[in-house]
N, C-alpha and C. Protein backbone atom coordinates (compact mmCIF):
# COMPACT_ATOMS: atom_id res chain seq x y z
N MET A 1 69.50 67.28 117.64
CA MET A 1 68.88 66.74 118.96
C MET A 1 69.36 65.42 119.35
N PRO A 2 69.03 65.17 120.35
CA PRO A 2 69.65 64.51 121.89
C PRO A 2 69.03 63.19 121.35
N CYS A 3 69.47 61.83 121.79
CA CYS A 3 68.95 60.68 121.54
C CYS A 3 69.34 59.75 123.11
N HIS A 4 68.68 58.33 122.53
CA HIS A 4 69.46 57.66 123.64
C HIS A 4 70.28 56.77 123.62
N LEU A 5 71.33 56.26 124.03
CA LEU A 5 72.37 55.26 123.85
C LEU A 5 72.76 54.53 124.79
N ASN A 6 72.36 52.91 124.78
CA ASN A 6 72.73 51.79 125.41
C ASN A 6 73.50 51.18 124.66
N SER A 7 75.15 51.17 124.71
CA SER A 7 76.27 50.31 123.70
C SER A 7 76.92 49.67 124.74
N ILE A 8 78.06 48.83 123.91
CA ILE A 8 79.03 48.11 124.64
C ILE A 8 80.11 49.09 124.49
N CYS A 9 81.13 48.93 124.57
CA CYS A 9 82.34 49.28 123.75
C CYS A 9 83.89 49.67 124.60
N TYR A 10 84.80 49.54 124.04
CA TYR A 10 85.91 48.92 124.10
C TYR A 10 86.69 50.51 124.02
N ILE A 11 87.19 50.79 125.45
CA ILE A 11 88.14 51.95 126.07
C ILE A 11 89.57 51.78 124.90
N ASP A 12 89.74 53.01 124.31
CA ASP A 12 90.41 53.21 123.66
C ASP A 12 91.86 54.00 124.44
N GLN A 13 91.37 55.11 124.65
CA GLN A 13 91.91 56.25 125.42
C GLN A 13 91.15 56.42 126.38
N HIS A 14 92.08 57.47 127.44
CA HIS A 14 91.53 57.11 128.90
C HIS A 14 92.49 58.26 129.20
N ASN A 15 92.23 59.65 129.72
CA ASN A 15 92.91 60.02 130.27
C ASN A 15 92.87 60.85 131.46
N GLU A 16 93.10 60.81 133.12
CA GLU A 16 92.62 61.09 134.61
C GLU A 16 92.94 61.99 135.09
N ILE A 17 92.44 62.78 135.31
CA ILE A 17 92.68 64.32 135.84
C ILE A 17 92.58 64.64 137.63
N ALA A 18 92.91 65.00 138.42
CA ALA A 18 92.84 65.36 139.85
C ALA A 18 92.36 66.86 139.92
N ARG A 19 90.89 67.17 139.97
CA ARG A 19 90.73 67.99 140.91
C ARG A 19 90.33 68.08 142.12
N ILE A 20 89.85 69.49 142.29
CA ILE A 20 89.80 69.99 144.15
C ILE A 20 89.42 68.43 145.06
N SER A 21 87.83 68.00 144.45
CA SER A 21 87.19 67.38 145.16
C SER A 21 86.84 66.19 144.50
N ASN A 22 87.32 66.13 142.97
CA ASN A 22 87.16 64.40 142.23
C ASN A 22 87.91 64.78 140.86
N PHE A 23 88.25 63.37 140.61
CA PHE A 23 89.13 62.76 139.54
C PHE A 23 87.75 63.37 138.40
N VAL A 24 88.49 63.34 137.68
CA VAL A 24 87.68 63.95 136.17
C VAL A 24 88.24 63.15 135.35
N VAL A 25 87.56 61.94 134.16
CA VAL A 25 88.15 60.90 133.27
C VAL A 25 87.65 61.71 131.67
N ASN A 26 88.23 61.89 131.14
CA ASN A 26 88.41 61.60 129.59
C ASN A 26 88.80 60.39 128.59
N ALA A 27 87.42 59.82 128.12
CA ALA A 27 87.90 58.43 127.72
C ALA A 27 87.05 59.26 126.51
N ILE A 28 88.05 57.69 125.11
CA ILE A 28 86.98 57.57 123.74
C ILE A 28 86.98 56.07 123.68
N GLY A 29 85.99 55.49 123.81
CA GLY A 29 85.35 54.28 123.41
C GLY A 29 84.56 54.18 122.36
N ILE A 30 85.50 52.76 121.38
CA ILE A 30 85.35 52.02 120.33
C ILE A 30 83.97 51.07 120.40
N VAL A 31 83.02 51.47 119.69
CA VAL A 31 81.76 50.68 119.18
C VAL A 31 81.99 49.76 117.78
N ASN A 32 81.73 48.45 118.04
CA ASN A 32 81.87 48.13 116.39
C ASN A 32 80.76 47.39 116.09
N SER A 33 80.17 47.73 114.84
CA SER A 33 78.66 47.01 115.01
C SER A 33 78.94 45.82 113.63
N SER A 34 77.83 44.79 113.44
CA SER A 34 78.34 44.28 112.40
C SER A 34 76.94 44.71 111.09
N ARG A 35 76.68 45.56 111.57
CA ARG A 35 76.10 46.03 109.96
C ARG A 35 76.89 47.11 109.59
N GLN A 36 77.95 47.81 109.86
CA GLN A 36 78.49 48.88 109.50
C GLN A 36 79.99 48.63 109.40
N ASN A 37 80.46 49.42 108.66
CA ASN A 37 81.82 48.79 108.22
C ASN A 37 83.05 49.55 108.93
N VAL A 38 82.30 50.59 109.78
CA VAL A 38 83.22 52.01 110.43
C VAL A 38 83.11 51.53 111.63
N ASN A 39 84.55 51.57 112.90
CA ASN A 39 83.95 51.84 114.03
C ASN A 39 83.57 53.34 114.42
N ILE A 40 82.42 53.36 115.48
CA ILE A 40 81.99 54.68 116.34
C ILE A 40 82.36 54.60 117.47
N TYR A 41 83.16 55.87 117.44
CA TYR A 41 83.81 56.35 118.55
C TYR A 41 82.67 57.39 119.90
N VAL A 42 83.20 56.79 120.68
CA VAL A 42 81.92 57.60 121.92
C VAL A 42 83.22 58.18 122.69
N HIS A 43 82.80 59.65 122.57
CA HIS A 43 83.63 60.55 124.03
C HIS A 43 82.69 60.15 125.13
N ILE A 44 83.66 59.52 126.35
CA ILE A 44 82.88 59.59 127.80
C ILE A 44 83.84 60.41 128.63
N VAL A 45 82.94 61.47 129.42
CA VAL A 45 83.28 62.24 130.74
C VAL A 45 83.17 61.43 131.68
N ALA A 46 83.51 61.03 132.97
CA ALA A 46 82.92 60.21 134.30
C ALA A 46 83.57 61.42 135.32
N PHE A 47 83.43 61.30 136.24
CA PHE A 47 83.34 62.22 137.41
C PHE A 47 83.78 61.02 138.49
N TYR A 48 84.74 61.37 139.05
CA TYR A 48 84.50 60.54 140.57
C TYR A 48 85.36 60.97 141.78
N PRO A 49 84.54 60.54 142.79
CA PRO A 49 84.82 61.48 144.59
C PRO A 49 86.46 61.28 144.45
N LYS A 50 86.96 62.54 144.89
CA LYS A 50 88.39 61.38 145.89
C LYS A 50 88.14 61.11 146.86
N ASP A 51 87.08 61.20 147.78
CA ASP A 51 86.71 60.64 149.36
C ASP A 51 86.25 59.28 148.90
N THR A 52 86.93 58.50 148.59
CA THR A 52 86.54 57.18 148.92
C THR A 52 85.09 56.62 149.64
N THR A 53 84.95 57.35 150.41
CA THR A 53 84.25 57.27 151.62
C THR A 53 82.58 57.60 151.07
N LYS A 54 82.75 58.47 149.84
CA LYS A 54 81.24 59.07 148.95
C LYS A 54 80.54 57.60 148.70
N ASN A 55 79.38 57.62 148.53
CA ASN A 55 79.11 56.40 147.27
C ASN A 55 79.12 57.00 145.94
N SER A 56 79.54 56.52 145.00
CA SER A 56 79.74 56.54 143.62
C SER A 56 78.39 55.11 142.78
N ASP A 57 77.66 55.53 142.26
CA ASP A 57 77.36 54.63 141.31
C ASP A 57 77.95 54.55 140.14
N LEU A 58 79.21 54.72 139.77
CA LEU A 58 79.76 54.43 138.59
C LEU A 58 81.49 54.17 139.02
N GLU A 59 80.87 52.94 138.30
CA GLU A 59 82.37 51.80 138.60
C GLU A 59 83.57 52.54 138.12
N ARG A 60 85.01 52.89 138.09
CA ARG A 60 85.63 53.10 137.67
C ARG A 60 86.37 52.27 136.41
N PHE A 61 87.05 52.64 135.52
CA PHE A 61 87.58 51.98 134.18
C PHE A 61 88.66 52.13 133.50
N ASN A 62 88.97 51.53 132.89
CA ASN A 62 90.91 52.25 132.54
C ASN A 62 90.45 51.79 131.07
N LYS A 63 92.20 52.08 130.71
CA LYS A 63 92.05 51.62 128.93
C LYS A 63 92.17 50.19 129.31
N ARG A 64 91.54 49.47 127.76
CA ARG A 64 91.46 48.51 127.67
C ARG A 64 90.73 47.49 127.94
N GLU A 65 90.06 48.11 128.87
CA GLU A 65 88.59 47.35 129.49
C GLU A 65 87.44 47.50 128.31
N ILE A 66 86.10 47.11 128.29
CA ILE A 66 84.77 47.30 127.52
C ILE A 66 84.43 47.13 128.89
N ILE A 67 82.96 48.31 128.75
CA ILE A 67 81.95 48.66 129.32
C ILE A 67 80.84 48.87 128.82
N GLN A 68 80.18 49.26 129.54
CA GLN A 68 78.67 49.56 128.67
C GLN A 68 78.24 50.46 129.44
N VAL A 69 78.30 51.94 128.48
CA VAL A 69 77.80 53.11 128.26
C VAL A 69 76.16 53.77 127.80
N GLN A 70 75.49 54.18 128.83
CA GLN A 70 73.83 54.84 128.50
C GLN A 70 74.24 56.15 127.95
N GLY A 71 72.80 56.96 127.58
CA GLY A 71 72.60 57.98 128.61
C GLY A 71 72.41 58.72 127.04
N ARG A 72 71.90 60.56 127.52
CA ARG A 72 71.43 60.90 125.72
C ARG A 72 73.17 61.18 125.58
N PHE A 73 73.04 61.49 124.10
CA PHE A 73 73.88 61.73 123.13
C PHE A 73 73.18 62.51 121.95
N SER A 74 74.64 63.27 121.52
CA SER A 74 74.16 63.59 120.52
C SER A 74 75.38 63.08 119.36
N VAL A 75 75.17 63.62 118.13
CA VAL A 75 76.60 63.42 117.45
C VAL A 75 76.75 64.60 116.69
N ILE A 76 78.56 64.78 116.47
CA ILE A 76 78.97 65.66 116.36
C ILE A 76 80.25 65.70 115.31
N GLU A 77 81.06 66.22 114.75
CA GLU A 77 81.84 66.23 113.96
C GLU A 77 83.41 66.49 114.61
N ALA A 78 84.61 65.90 114.73
CA ALA A 78 85.59 66.01 115.38
C ALA A 78 86.65 65.19 114.58
N ASN A 79 87.83 66.06 115.03
CA ASN A 79 89.28 65.53 113.90
C ASN A 79 89.70 64.68 114.54
N VAL A 80 90.26 63.27 114.05
CA VAL A 80 90.66 62.50 114.27
C VAL A 80 91.74 62.32 113.58
N ASP A 81 93.17 62.32 114.12
CA ASP A 81 94.39 61.66 113.18
C ASP A 81 94.69 62.42 111.77
N GLY A 82 93.65 63.63 111.89
CA GLY A 82 93.96 64.49 111.10
C GLY A 82 92.33 64.53 110.12
N ASP A 83 91.73 63.51 110.29
CA ASP A 83 90.42 63.30 109.24
C ASP A 83 89.08 63.55 110.15
N LYS A 84 88.18 63.92 109.17
CA LYS A 84 87.15 64.85 109.62
C LYS A 84 86.43 63.18 109.76
N VAL A 85 85.37 63.33 111.51
CA VAL A 85 84.59 62.27 111.33
C VAL A 85 83.54 62.68 112.27
N LYS A 86 82.42 62.04 112.02
CA LYS A 86 81.27 62.05 112.73
C LYS A 86 81.65 61.58 114.40
N VAL A 87 81.66 61.80 115.58
CA VAL A 87 81.62 60.84 116.99
C VAL A 87 80.31 61.24 117.88
N ILE A 88 80.02 60.36 118.45
CA ILE A 88 78.47 60.46 119.26
C ILE A 88 79.71 60.98 120.50
N ASN A 89 78.70 61.90 121.43
CA ASN A 89 78.84 63.16 122.59
C ASN A 89 77.69 62.66 123.39
N LEU A 90 78.09 61.68 124.54
CA LEU A 90 76.95 61.76 125.45
C LEU A 90 76.78 62.72 126.17
N THR A 91 75.62 63.30 126.87
CA THR A 91 75.35 64.77 127.02
C THR A 91 74.54 64.53 128.31
């Protein structure tokens, strides 16, 4: 069941792909909690228009930056470095 997330995360992985009319960014953010001993990984997908004259509410971000993420999410299982982990997937 989807829930709502509002958090600050560190961008650990960042990959940008050019498409016909926009750029698609796939990124992994890390959320560290003082209440947990494990990191939480957030998969982020962002779309930016190629036409810079078009208005975009989303500010561009890169690897090693700290950003705020918010939105609906669900928890999925994924393989990270050969280990099965639970990942927060923003929808």
